[in-house]
Amino acid sequence: PPPGLFIQVGAGIQHSCGLKMNGEIECWGSDADGQATPPTGSFTQ
C-alpha cells in the first residue's frame, strides 16, 4: 500500500484500494482492466 492516512481499505483479487482522509481514493496492484486507476473526486465509501 502507499503511505498516507486512510479511513477505509478494500482488498480485491490482485488489486486493493483505500479511501483517504480527504475523501480521495488511491489504488495499487494490477491495473490490467483499469481497476487500479480510480476516478478523481471526493468519496464516502
ModelCIF file with pLDDT and N, C-alpha, C, O atoms, coordinates in Angstrom:
data_MODEL
#
_entry.id   MODEL 
#
_entity.id                         1 
_entity.type                       polymer 
_entity.pdbx_number_of_molecules   1 
#
_entity_poly.entity_id                      1 
_entity_poly.type                           'polypeptide(L)' 
_entity_poly.nstd_linkage                   no 
_entity_poly.nstd_monomer                   no 
_entity_poly.pdbx_seq_one_letter_code       PPPGLFIQVGAGIQHSCGLKMNGEIECWGSDADGQATPPTGSFTQ 
_entity_poly.pdbx_seq_one_letter_code_can   PPPGLFIQVGAGIQHSCGLKMNGEIECWGSDADGQATPPTGSFTQ 
_entity_poly.pdbx_strand_id                 A 
#
loop_
_entity_poly_seq.entity_id 
_entity_poly_seq.num 
_entity_poly_seq.mon_id 
_entity_poly_seq.hetero 
1 1  PRO n 
1 2  PRO n 
1 3  PRO n 
1 4  GLY n 
1 5  LEU n 
1 6  PHE n 
1 7  ILE n 
1 8  GLN n 
1 9  VAL n 
1 10 GLY n 
1 11 ALA n 
1 12 GLY n 
1 13 ILE n 
1 14 GLN n 
1 15 HIS n 
1 16 SER n 
1 17 CYS n 
1 18 GLY n 
1 19 LEU n 
1 20 LYS n 
1 21 MET n 
1 22 ASN n 
1 23 GLY n 
1 24 GLU n 
1 25 ILE n 
1 26 GLU n 
1 27 CYS n 
1 28 TRP n 
1 29 GLY n 
1 30 SER n 
1 31 ASP n 
1 32 ALA n 
1 33 ASP n 
1 34 GLY n 
1 35 GLN n 
1 36 ALA n 
1 37 THR n 
1 38 PRO n 
1 39 PRO n 
1 40 THR n 
1 41 GLY n 
1 42 SER n 
1 43 PHE n 
1 44 THR n 
1 45 GLN n 
#
_struct_asym.id          A 
_struct_asym.entity_id   1 
#
loop_
_ma_qa_metric.id 
_ma_qa_metric.mode 
_ma_qa_metric.name 
_ma_qa_metric.software_group_id 
_ma_qa_metric.type 
1 global pLDDT . pLDDT 
2 local  pLDDT . pLDDT 
#
_ma_qa_metric_global.metric_id      1 
_ma_qa_metric_global.metric_value   97.24 
_ma_qa_metric_global.model_id       1 
_ma_qa_metric_global.ordinal_id     1 
#
loop_
_ma_qa_metric_local.label_asym_id 
_ma_qa_metric_local.label_comp_id 
_ma_qa_metric_local.label_seq_id 
_ma_qa_metric_local.metric_id 
_ma_qa_metric_local.metric_value 
_ma_qa_metric_local.model_id 
_ma_qa_metric_local.ordinal_id 
A PRO 1  2 98.00 1 1  
A PRO 2  2 98.00 1 2  
A PRO 3  2 97.00 1 3  
A GLY 4  2 97.00 1 4  
A LEU 5  2 98.00 1 5  
A PHE 6  2 98.00 1 6  
A ILE 7  2 98.00 1 7  
A GLN 8  2 98.00 1 8  
A VAL 9  2 98.00 1 9  
A GLY 10 2 98.00 1 10 
A ALA 11 2 97.00 1 11 
A GLY 12 2 95.00 1 12 
A ILE 13 2 90.00 1 13 
A GLN 14 2 93.00 1 14 
A HIS 15 2 96.00 1 15 
A SER 16 2 98.00 1 16 
A CYS 17 2 98.00 1 17 
A GLY 18 2 98.00 1 18 
A LEU 19 2 98.00 1 19 
A LYS 20 2 98.00 1 20 
A MET 21 2 97.00 1 21 
A ASN 22 2 97.00 1 22 
A GLY 23 2 98.00 1 23 
A GLU 24 2 98.00 1 24 
A ILE 25 2 98.00 1 25 
A GLU 26 2 98.00 1 26 
A CYS 27 2 98.00 1 27 
A TRP 28 2 98.00 1 28 
A GLY 29 2 97.00 1 29 
A SER 30 2 96.00 1 30 
A ASP 31 2 98.00 1 31 
A ALA 32 2 96.00 1 32 
A ASP 33 2 96.00 1 33 
A GLY 34 2 97.00 1 34 
A GLN 35 2 97.00 1 35 
A ALA 36 2 98.00 1 36 
A THR 37 2 98.00 1 37 
A PRO 38 2 98.00 1 38 
A PRO 39 2 98.00 1 39 
A THR 40 2 97.00 1 40 
A GLY 41 2 97.00 1 41 
A SER 42 2 98.00 1 42 
A PHE 43 2 98.00 1 43 
A THR 44 2 98.00 1 44 
A GLN 45 2 98.00 1 45 
#
loop_
_atom_site.group_PDB 
_atom_site.id 
_atom_site.type_symbol 
_atom_site.label_atom_id 
_atom_site.label_alt_id 
_atom_site.label_comp_id 
_atom_site.label_asym_id 
_atom_site.label_entity_id 
_atom_site.label_seq_id 
_atom_site.pdbx_PDB_ins_code 
_atom_site.Cartn_x 
_atom_site.Cartn_y 
_atom_site.Cartn_z 
_atom_site.occupancy 
_atom_site.B_iso_or_equiv 
_atom_site.pdbx_formal_charge 
_atom_site.auth_seq_id 
_atom_site.auth_comp_id 
_atom_site.auth_asym_id 
_atom_site.auth_atom_id 
_atom_site.pdbx_PDB_model_num 
ATOM 1   N N  . PRO A 1 1  ? 0.820   -1.215  0.000   1.00 98.00 ? 1  PRO A N  1 
ATOM 2   C CA . PRO A 1 1  ? 0.000   0.000   0.000   1.00 98.00 ? 1  PRO A CA 1 
ATOM 3   C C  . PRO A 1 1  ? 0.853   1.264   0.000   1.00 98.00 ? 1  PRO A C  1 
ATOM 4   O O  . PRO A 1 1  ? 2.011   1.232   0.416   1.00 98.00 ? 1  PRO A O  1 
ATOM 5   N N  . PRO A 1 2  ? 0.295   2.357   -0.457  1.00 98.00 ? 2  PRO A N  1 
ATOM 6   C CA . PRO A 1 2  ? 1.014   3.628   -0.429  1.00 98.00 ? 2  PRO A CA 1 
ATOM 7   C C  . PRO A 1 2  ? 0.981   4.230   0.979   1.00 98.00 ? 2  PRO A C  1 
ATOM 8   O O  . PRO A 1 2  ? 0.172   3.818   1.810   1.00 98.00 ? 2  PRO A O  1 
ATOM 9   N N  . PRO A 1 3  ? 1.851   5.194   1.244   1.00 97.00 ? 3  PRO A N  1 
ATOM 10  C CA . PRO A 1 3  ? 1.781   5.890   2.534   1.00 97.00 ? 3  PRO A CA 1 
ATOM 11  C C  . PRO A 1 3  ? 0.579   6.809   2.572   1.00 97.00 ? 3  PRO A C  1 
ATOM 12  O O  . PRO A 1 3  ? -0.001  7.138   1.537   1.00 97.00 ? 3  PRO A O  1 
ATOM 13  N N  . GLY A 1 4  ? 0.215   7.214   3.752   1.00 97.00 ? 4  GLY A N  1 
ATOM 14  C CA . GLY A 1 4  ? -0.908  8.122   3.899   1.00 97.00 ? 4  GLY A CA 1 
ATOM 15  C C  . GLY A 1 4  ? -1.860  7.678   4.986   1.00 97.00 ? 4  GLY A C  1 
ATOM 16  O O  . GLY A 1 4  ? -1.701  6.609   5.574   1.00 97.00 ? 4  GLY A O  1 
ATOM 17  N N  . LEU A 1 5  ? -2.855  8.513   5.246   1.00 98.00 ? 5  LEU A N  1 
ATOM 18  C CA . LEU A 1 5  ? -3.857  8.237   6.260   1.00 98.00 ? 5  LEU A CA 1 
ATOM 19  C C  . LEU A 1 5  ? -5.179  7.901   5.576   1.00 98.00 ? 5  LEU A C  1 
ATOM 20  O O  . LEU A 1 5  ? -5.629  8.622   4.686   1.00 98.00 ? 5  LEU A O  1 
ATOM 21  N N  . PHE A 1 6  ? -5.798  6.797   6.001   1.00 98.00 ? 6  PHE A N  1 
ATOM 22  C CA . PHE A 1 6  ? -6.986  6.272   5.335   1.00 98.00 ? 6  PHE A CA 1 
ATOM 23  C C  . PHE A 1 6  ? -8.105  6.011   6.341   1.00 98.00 ? 6  PHE A C  1 
ATOM 24  O O  . PHE A 1 6  ? -7.859  5.813   7.531   1.00 98.00 ? 6  PHE A O  1 
ATOM 25  N N  . ILE A 1 7  ? -9.336  6.015   5.837   1.00 98.00 ? 7  ILE A N  1 
ATOM 26  C CA . ILE A 1 7  ? -10.493 5.697   6.679   1.00 98.00 ? 7  ILE A CA 1 
ATOM 27  C C  . ILE A 1 7  ? -11.152 4.384   6.273   1.00 98.00 ? 7  ILE A C  1 
ATOM 28  O O  . ILE A 1 7  ? -11.981 3.860   7.017   1.00 98.00 ? 7  ILE A O  1 
ATOM 29  N N  . GLN A 1 8  ? -10.796 3.833   5.087   1.00 98.00 ? 8  GLN A N  1 
ATOM 30  C CA . GLN A 1 8  ? -11.326 2.544   4.664   1.00 98.00 ? 8  GLN A CA 1 
ATOM 31  C C  . GLN A 1 8  ? -10.379 1.925   3.651   1.00 98.00 ? 8  GLN A C  1 
ATOM 32  O O  . GLN A 1 8  ? -9.744  2.629   2.866   1.00 98.00 ? 8  GLN A O  1 
ATOM 33  N N  . VAL A 1 9  ? -10.290 0.584   3.676   1.00 98.00 ? 9  VAL A N  1 
ATOM 34  C CA . VAL A 1 9  ? -9.473  -0.143  2.709   1.00 98.00 ? 9  VAL A CA 1 
ATOM 35  C C  . VAL A 1 9  ? -10.284 -1.309  2.166   1.00 98.00 ? 9  VAL A C  1 
ATOM 36  O O  . VAL A 1 9  ? -11.106 -1.888  2.876   1.00 98.00 ? 9  VAL A O  1 
ATOM 37  N N  . GLY A 1 10 ? -10.047 -1.652  0.894   1.00 98.00 ? 10 GLY A N  1 
ATOM 38  C CA . GLY A 1 10 ? -10.707 -2.787  0.266   1.00 98.00 ? 10 GLY A CA 1 
ATOM 39  C C  . GLY A 1 10 ? -9.688  -3.619  -0.485  1.00 98.00 ? 10 GLY A C  1 
ATOM 40  O O  . GLY A 1 10 ? -8.885  -3.080  -1.247  1.00 98.00 ? 10 GLY A O  1 
ATOM 41  N N  . ALA A 1 11 ? -9.712  -4.943  -0.277  1.00 97.00 ? 11 ALA A N  1 
ATOM 42  C CA . ALA A 1 11 ? -8.816  -5.866  -0.964  1.00 97.00 ? 11 ALA A CA 1 
ATOM 43  C C  . ALA A 1 11 ? -9.617  -6.644  -2.004  1.00 97.00 ? 11 ALA A C  1 
ATOM 44  O O  . ALA A 1 11 ? -10.663 -7.210  -1.688  1.00 97.00 ? 11 ALA A O  1 
ATOM 45  N N  . GLY A 1 12 ? -9.126  -6.675  -3.247  1.00 95.00 ? 12 GLY A N  1 
ATOM 46  C CA . GLY A 1 12 ? -9.831  -7.373  -4.318  1.00 95.00 ? 12 GLY A CA 1 
ATOM 47  C C  . GLY A 1 12 ? -9.147  -8.670  -4.684  1.00 95.00 ? 12 GLY A C  1 
ATOM 48  O O  . GLY A 1 12 ? -8.741  -9.436  -3.809  1.00 95.00 ? 12 GLY A O  1 
ATOM 49  N N  . ILE A 1 13 ? -9.017  -8.921  -5.993  1.00 90.00 ? 13 ILE A N  1 
ATOM 50  C CA . ILE A 1 13 ? -8.333  -10.116 -6.460  1.00 90.00 ? 13 ILE A CA 1 
ATOM 51  C C  . ILE A 1 13 ? -6.830  -9.881  -6.471  1.00 90.00 ? 13 ILE A C  1 
ATOM 52  O O  . ILE A 1 13 ? -6.100  -10.498 -5.695  1.00 90.00 ? 13 ILE A O  1 
ATOM 53  N N  . GLN A 1 14 ? -6.366  -9.005  -7.331  1.00 93.00 ? 14 GLN A N  1 
ATOM 54  C CA . GLN A 1 14 ? -4.945  -8.672  -7.397  1.00 93.00 ? 14 GLN A CA 1 
ATOM 55  C C  . GLN A 1 14 ? -4.722  -7.163  -7.318  1.00 93.00 ? 14 GLN A C  1 
ATOM 56  O O  . GLN A 1 14 ? -3.698  -6.644  -7.760  1.00 93.00 ? 14 GLN A O  1 
ATOM 57  N N  . HIS A 1 15 ? -5.696  -6.482  -6.750  1.00 96.00 ? 15 HIS A N  1 
ATOM 58  C CA . HIS A 1 15 ? -5.528  -5.056  -6.518  1.00 96.00 ? 15 HIS A CA 1 
ATOM 59  C C  . HIS A 1 15 ? -6.249  -4.683  -5.232  1.00 96.00 ? 15 HIS A C  1 
ATOM 60  O O  . HIS A 1 15 ? -7.089  -5.433  -4.735  1.00 96.00 ? 15 HIS A O  1 
ATOM 61  N N  . SER A 1 16 ? -5.912  -3.524  -4.707  1.00 98.00 ? 16 SER A N  1 
ATOM 62  C CA . SER A 1 16 ? -6.522  -3.016  -3.483  1.00 98.00 ? 16 SER A CA 1 
ATOM 63  C C  . SER A 1 16 ? -6.734  -1.518  -3.640  1.00 98.00 ? 16 SER A C  1 
ATOM 64  O O  . SER A 1 16 ? -6.069  -0.867  -4.446  1.00 98.00 ? 16 SER A O  1 
ATOM 65  N N  . CYS A 1 17 ? -7.662  -0.982  -2.868  1.00 98.00 ? 17 CYS A N  1 
ATOM 66  C CA . CYS A 1 17 ? -7.930  0.459   -2.894  1.00 98.00 ? 17 CYS A CA 1 
ATOM 67  C C  . CYS A 1 17 ? -8.171  0.959   -1.479  1.00 98.00 ? 17 CYS A C  1 
ATOM 68  O O  . CYS A 1 17 ? -8.632  0.217   -0.611  1.00 98.00 ? 17 CYS A O  1 
ATOM 69  N N  . GLY A 1 18 ? -7.856  2.211   -1.264  1.00 98.00 ? 18 GLY A N  1 
ATOM 70  C CA . GLY A 1 18 ? -8.087  2.818   0.032   1.00 98.00 ? 18 GLY A CA 1 
ATOM 71  C C  . GLY A 1 18 ? -8.741  4.177   -0.109  1.00 98.00 ? 18 GLY A C  1 
ATOM 72  O O  . GLY A 1 18 ? -8.459  4.925   -1.045  1.00 98.00 ? 18 GLY A O  1 
ATOM 73  N N  . LEU A 1 19 ? -9.618  4.486   0.834   1.00 98.00 ? 19 LEU A N  1 
ATOM 74  C CA . LEU A 1 19 ? -10.272 5.786   0.896   1.00 98.00 ? 19 LEU A CA 1 
ATOM 75  C C  . LEU A 1 19 ? -9.506  6.655   1.880   1.00 98.00 ? 19 LEU A C  1 
ATOM 76  O O  . LEU A 1 19 ? -9.441  6.345   3.070   1.00 98.00 ? 19 LEU A O  1 
ATOM 77  N N  . LYS A 1 20 ? -8.930  7.739   1.388   1.00 98.00 ? 20 LYS A N  1 
ATOM 78  C CA . LYS A 1 20 ? -8.082  8.591   2.200   1.00 98.00 ? 20 LYS A CA 1 
ATOM 79  C C  . LYS A 1 20 ? -8.909  9.535   3.080   1.00 98.00 ? 20 LYS A C  1 
ATOM 80  O O  . LYS A 1 20 ? -10.110 9.706   2.873   1.00 98.00 ? 20 LYS A O  1 
ATOM 81  N N  . MET A 1 21 ? -8.255  10.126  4.039   1.00 97.00 ? 21 MET A N  1 
ATOM 82  C CA . MET A 1 21 ? -8.923  11.012  4.982   1.00 97.00 ? 21 MET A CA 1 
ATOM 83  C C  . MET A 1 21 ? -9.571  12.202  4.280   1.00 97.00 ? 21 MET A C  1 
ATOM 84  O O  . MET A 1 21 ? -10.571 12.735  4.760   1.00 97.00 ? 21 MET A O  1 
ATOM 85  N N  . ASN A 1 22 ? -9.005  12.622  3.140   1.00 97.00 ? 22 ASN A N  1 
ATOM 86  C CA . ASN A 1 22 ? -9.553  13.770  2.415   1.00 97.00 ? 22 ASN A CA 1 
ATOM 87  C C  . ASN A 1 22 ? -10.635 13.391  1.411   1.00 97.00 ? 22 ASN A C  1 
ATOM 88  O O  . ASN A 1 22 ? -11.109 14.240  0.656   1.00 97.00 ? 22 ASN A O  1 
ATOM 89  N N  . GLY A 1 23 ? -11.030 12.109  1.399   1.00 98.00 ? 23 GLY A N  1 
ATOM 90  C CA . GLY A 1 23 ? -12.098 11.654  0.509   1.00 98.00 ? 23 GLY A CA 1 
ATOM 91  C C  . GLY A 1 23 ? -11.634 11.137  -0.828  1.00 98.00 ? 23 GLY A C  1 
ATOM 92  O O  . GLY A 1 23 ? -12.447 10.632  -1.602  1.00 98.00 ? 23 GLY A O  1 
ATOM 93  N N  . GLU A 1 24 ? -10.351 11.246  -1.129  1.00 98.00 ? 24 GLU A N  1 
ATOM 94  C CA . GLU A 1 24 ? -9.819  10.728  -2.386  1.00 98.00 ? 24 GLU A CA 1 
ATOM 95  C C  . GLU A 1 24 ? -9.547  9.227   -2.268  1.00 98.00 ? 24 GLU A C  1 
ATOM 96  O O  . GLU A 1 24 ? -9.365  8.699   -1.171  1.00 98.00 ? 24 GLU A O  1 
ATOM 97  N N  . ILE A 1 25 ? -9.523  8.551   -3.423  1.00 98.00 ? 25 ILE A N  1 
ATOM 98  C CA . ILE A 1 25 ? -9.268  7.109   -3.471  1.00 98.00 ? 25 ILE A CA 1 
ATOM 99  C C  . ILE A 1 25 ? -7.913  6.865   -4.124  1.00 98.00 ? 25 ILE A C  1 
ATOM 100 O O  . ILE A 1 25 ? -7.571  7.492   -5.127  1.00 98.00 ? 25 ILE A O  1 
ATOM 101 N N  . GLU A 1 26 ? -7.159  5.956   -3.550  1.00 98.00 ? 26 GLU A N  1 
ATOM 102 C CA . GLU A 1 26 ? -5.881  5.542   -4.128  1.00 98.00 ? 26 GLU A CA 1 
ATOM 103 C C  . GLU A 1 26 ? -5.869  4.018   -4.210  1.00 98.00 ? 26 GLU A C  1 
ATOM 104 O O  . GLU A 1 26 ? -6.229  3.340   -3.247  1.00 98.00 ? 26 GLU A O  1 
ATOM 105 N N  . CYS A 1 27 ? -5.455  3.478   -5.359  1.00 98.00 ? 27 CYS A N  1 
ATOM 106 C CA . CYS A 1 27 ? -5.419  2.036   -5.579  1.00 98.00 ? 27 CYS A CA 1 
ATOM 107 C C  . CYS A 1 27 ? -4.013  1.589   -5.927  1.00 98.00 ? 27 CYS A C  1 
ATOM 108 O O  . CYS A 1 27 ? -3.189  2.395   -6.357  1.00 98.00 ? 27 CYS A O  1 
ATOM 109 N N  . TRP A 1 28 ? -3.733  0.291   -5.740  1.00 98.00 ? 28 TRP A N  1 
ATOM 110 C CA . TRP A 1 28 ? -2.429  -0.271  -6.043  1.00 98.00 ? 28 TRP A CA 1 
ATOM 111 C C  . TRP A 1 28 ? -2.603  -1.740  -6.425  1.00 98.00 ? 28 TRP A C  1 
ATOM 112 O O  . TRP A 1 28 ? -3.599  -2.377  -6.082  1.00 98.00 ? 28 TRP A O  1 
ATOM 113 N N  . GLY A 1 29 ? -1.603  -2.260  -7.149  1.00 97.00 ? 29 GLY A N  1 
ATOM 114 C CA . GLY A 1 29 ? -1.671  -3.637  -7.629  1.00 97.00 ? 29 GLY A CA 1 
ATOM 115 C C  . GLY A 1 29 ? -1.940  -3.679  -9.121  1.00 97.00 ? 29 GLY A C  1 
ATOM 116 O O  . GLY A 1 29 ? -1.625  -2.729  -9.838  1.00 97.00 ? 29 GLY A O  1 
ATOM 117 N N  . SER A 1 30 ? -2.521  -4.774  -9.592  1.00 96.00 ? 30 SER A N  1 
ATOM 118 C CA . SER A 1 30 ? -2.784  -4.967  -11.013 1.00 96.00 ? 30 SER A CA 1 
ATOM 119 C C  . SER A 1 30 ? -3.724  -3.893  -11.556 1.00 96.00 ? 30 SER A C  1 
ATOM 120 O O  . SER A 1 30 ? -4.717  -3.530  -10.926 1.00 96.00 ? 30 SER A O  1 
ATOM 121 N N  . ASP A 1 31 ? -3.379  -3.395  -12.746 1.00 98.00 ? 31 ASP A N  1 
ATOM 122 C CA . ASP A 1 31 ? -4.215  -2.395  -13.401 1.00 98.00 ? 31 ASP A CA 1 
ATOM 123 C C  . ASP A 1 31 ? -4.591  -2.861  -14.809 1.00 98.00 ? 31 ASP A C  1 
ATOM 124 O O  . ASP A 1 31 ? -4.790  -2.047  -15.711 1.00 98.00 ? 31 ASP A O  1 
ATOM 125 N N  . ALA A 1 32 ? -4.684  -4.187  -14.985 1.00 96.00 ? 32 ALA A N  1 
ATOM 126 C CA . ALA A 1 32 ? -4.938  -4.772  -16.300 1.00 96.00 ? 32 ALA A CA 1 
ATOM 127 C C  . ALA A 1 32 ? -6.249  -4.302  -16.908 1.00 96.00 ? 32 ALA A C  1 
ATOM 128 O O  . ALA A 1 32 ? -6.350  -4.177  -18.129 1.00 96.00 ? 32 ALA A O  1 
ATOM 129 N N  . ASP A 1 33 ? -7.254  -4.041  -16.084 1.00 96.00 ? 33 ASP A N  1 
ATOM 130 C CA . ASP A 1 33 ? -8.557  -3.578  -16.558 1.00 96.00 ? 33 ASP A CA 1 
ATOM 131 C C  . ASP A 1 33 ? -8.869  -2.167  -16.079 1.00 96.00 ? 33 ASP A C  1 
ATOM 132 O O  . ASP A 1 33 ? -10.024 -1.741  -16.107 1.00 96.00 ? 33 ASP A O  1 
ATOM 133 N N  . GLY A 1 34 ? -7.853  -1.446  -15.642 1.00 97.00 ? 34 GLY A N  1 
ATOM 134 C CA . GLY A 1 34 ? -8.066  -0.102  -15.122 1.00 97.00 ? 34 GLY A CA 1 
ATOM 135 C C  . GLY A 1 34 ? -8.574  -0.084  -13.698 1.00 97.00 ? 34 GLY A C  1 
ATOM 136 O O  . GLY A 1 34 ? -9.023  0.955   -13.213 1.00 97.00 ? 34 GLY A O  1 
ATOM 137 N N  . GLN A 1 35 ? -8.509  -1.239  -13.007 1.00 97.00 ? 35 GLN A N  1 
ATOM 138 C CA . GLN A 1 35 ? -9.057  -1.322  -11.651 1.00 97.00 ? 35 GLN A CA 1 
ATOM 139 C C  . GLN A 1 35 ? -8.224  -0.587  -10.612 1.00 97.00 ? 35 GLN A C  1 
ATOM 140 O O  . GLN A 1 35 ? -8.705  -0.312  -9.513  1.00 97.00 ? 35 GLN A O  1 
ATOM 141 N N  . ALA A 1 36 ? -6.973  -0.264  -10.952 1.00 98.00 ? 36 ALA A N  1 
ATOM 142 C CA . ALA A 1 36 ? -6.123  0.487   -10.023 1.00 98.00 ? 36 ALA A CA 1 
ATOM 143 C C  . ALA A 1 36 ? -6.004  1.948   -10.420 1.00 98.00 ? 36 ALA A C  1 
ATOM 144 O O  . ALA A 1 36 ? -5.122  2.661   -9.942  1.00 98.00 ? 36 ALA A O  1 
ATOM 145 N N  . THR A 1 37 ? -6.904  2.392   -11.304 1.00 98.00 ? 37 THR A N  1 
ATOM 146 C CA . THR A 1 37 ? -6.935  3.792   -11.715 1.00 98.00 ? 37 THR A CA 1 
ATOM 147 C C  . THR A 1 37 ? -8.292  4.376   -11.354 1.00 98.00 ? 37 THR A C  1 
ATOM 148 O O  . THR A 1 37 ? -9.173  4.450   -12.210 1.00 98.00 ? 37 THR A O  1 
ATOM 149 N N  . PRO A 1 38 ? -8.480  4.788   -10.115 1.00 98.00 ? 38 PRO A N  1 
ATOM 150 C CA . PRO A 1 38 ? -9.783  5.282   -9.674  1.00 98.00 ? 38 PRO A CA 1 
ATOM 151 C C  . PRO A 1 38 ? -10.072 6.670   -10.206 1.00 98.00 ? 38 PRO A C  1 
ATOM 152 O O  . PRO A 1 38 ? -9.154  7.386   -10.604 1.00 98.00 ? 38 PRO A O  1 
ATOM 153 N N  . PRO A 1 39 ? -11.332 7.057   -10.218 1.00 98.00 ? 39 PRO A N  1 
ATOM 154 C CA . PRO A 1 39 ? -11.684 8.417   -10.635 1.00 98.00 ? 39 PRO A CA 1 
ATOM 155 C C  . PRO A 1 39 ? -11.288 9.429   -9.569  1.00 98.00 ? 39 PRO A C  1 
ATOM 156 O O  . PRO A 1 39 ? -11.071 9.083   -8.408  1.00 98.00 ? 39 PRO A O  1 
ATOM 157 N N  . THR A 1 40 ? -11.200 10.656  -9.981  1.00 97.00 ? 40 THR A N  1 
ATOM 158 C CA . THR A 1 40 ? -10.922 11.723  -9.029  1.00 97.00 ? 40 THR A CA 1 
ATOM 159 C C  . THR A 1 40 ? -12.225 12.167  -8.361  1.00 97.00 ? 40 THR A C  1 
ATOM 160 O O  . THR A 1 40 ? -13.317 11.863  -8.841  1.00 97.00 ? 40 THR A O  1 
ATOM 161 N N  . GLY A 1 41 ? -12.094 12.877  -7.268  1.00 97.00 ? 41 GLY A N  1 
ATOM 162 C CA . GLY A 1 41 ? -13.268 13.382  -6.574  1.00 97.00 ? 41 GLY A CA 1 
ATOM 163 C C  . GLY A 1 41 ? -13.246 13.037  -5.105  1.00 97.00 ? 41 GLY A C  1 
ATOM 164 O O  . GLY A 1 41 ? -12.284 12.466  -4.591  1.00 97.00 ? 41 GLY A O  1 
ATOM 165 N N  . SER A 1 42 ? -14.321 13.395  -4.445  1.00 98.00 ? 42 SER A N  1 
ATOM 166 C CA . SER A 1 42 ? -14.474 13.142  -3.016  1.00 98.00 ? 42 SER A CA 1 
ATOM 167 C C  . SER A 1 42 ? -15.506 12.033  -2.811  1.00 98.00 ? 42 SER A C  1 
ATOM 168 O O  . SER A 1 42 ? -16.620 12.110  -3.331  1.00 98.00 ? 42 SER A O  1 
ATOM 169 N N  . PHE A 1 43 ? -15.129 11.000  -2.051  1.00 98.00 ? 43 PHE A N  1 
ATOM 170 C CA . PHE A 1 43 ? -15.971 9.824   -1.843  1.00 98.00 ? 43 PHE A CA 1 
ATOM 171 C C  . PHE A 1 43 ? -16.160 9.567   -0.350  1.00 98.00 ? 43 PHE A C  1 
ATOM 172 O O  . PHE A 1 43 ? -15.390 10.042  0.485   1.00 98.00 ? 43 PHE A O  1 
ATOM 173 N N  . THR A 1 44 ? -17.212 8.798   -0.036  1.00 98.00 ? 44 THR A N  1 
ATOM 174 C CA . THR A 1 44 ? -17.512 8.497   1.358   1.00 98.00 ? 44 THR A CA 1 
ATOM 175 C C  . THR A 1 44 ? -17.383 7.016   1.699   1.00 98.00 ? 44 THR A C  1 
ATOM 176 O O  . THR A 1 44 ? -17.290 6.666   2.875   1.00 98.00 ? 44 THR A O  1 
ATOM 177 N N  . GLN A 1 45 ? -17.376 6.129   0.681   1.00 98.00 ? 45 GLN A N  1 
ATOM 178 C CA . GLN A 1 45 ? -17.311 4.680   0.930   1.00 98.00 ? 45 GLN A CA 1 
ATOM 179 C C  . GLN A 1 45 ? -16.924 3.986   -0.360  1.00 98.00 ? 45 GLN A C  1 
ATOM 180 O O  . GLN A 1 45 ? -16.809 2.761   -0.392  1.00 98.00 ? 45 GLN A O  1 
#
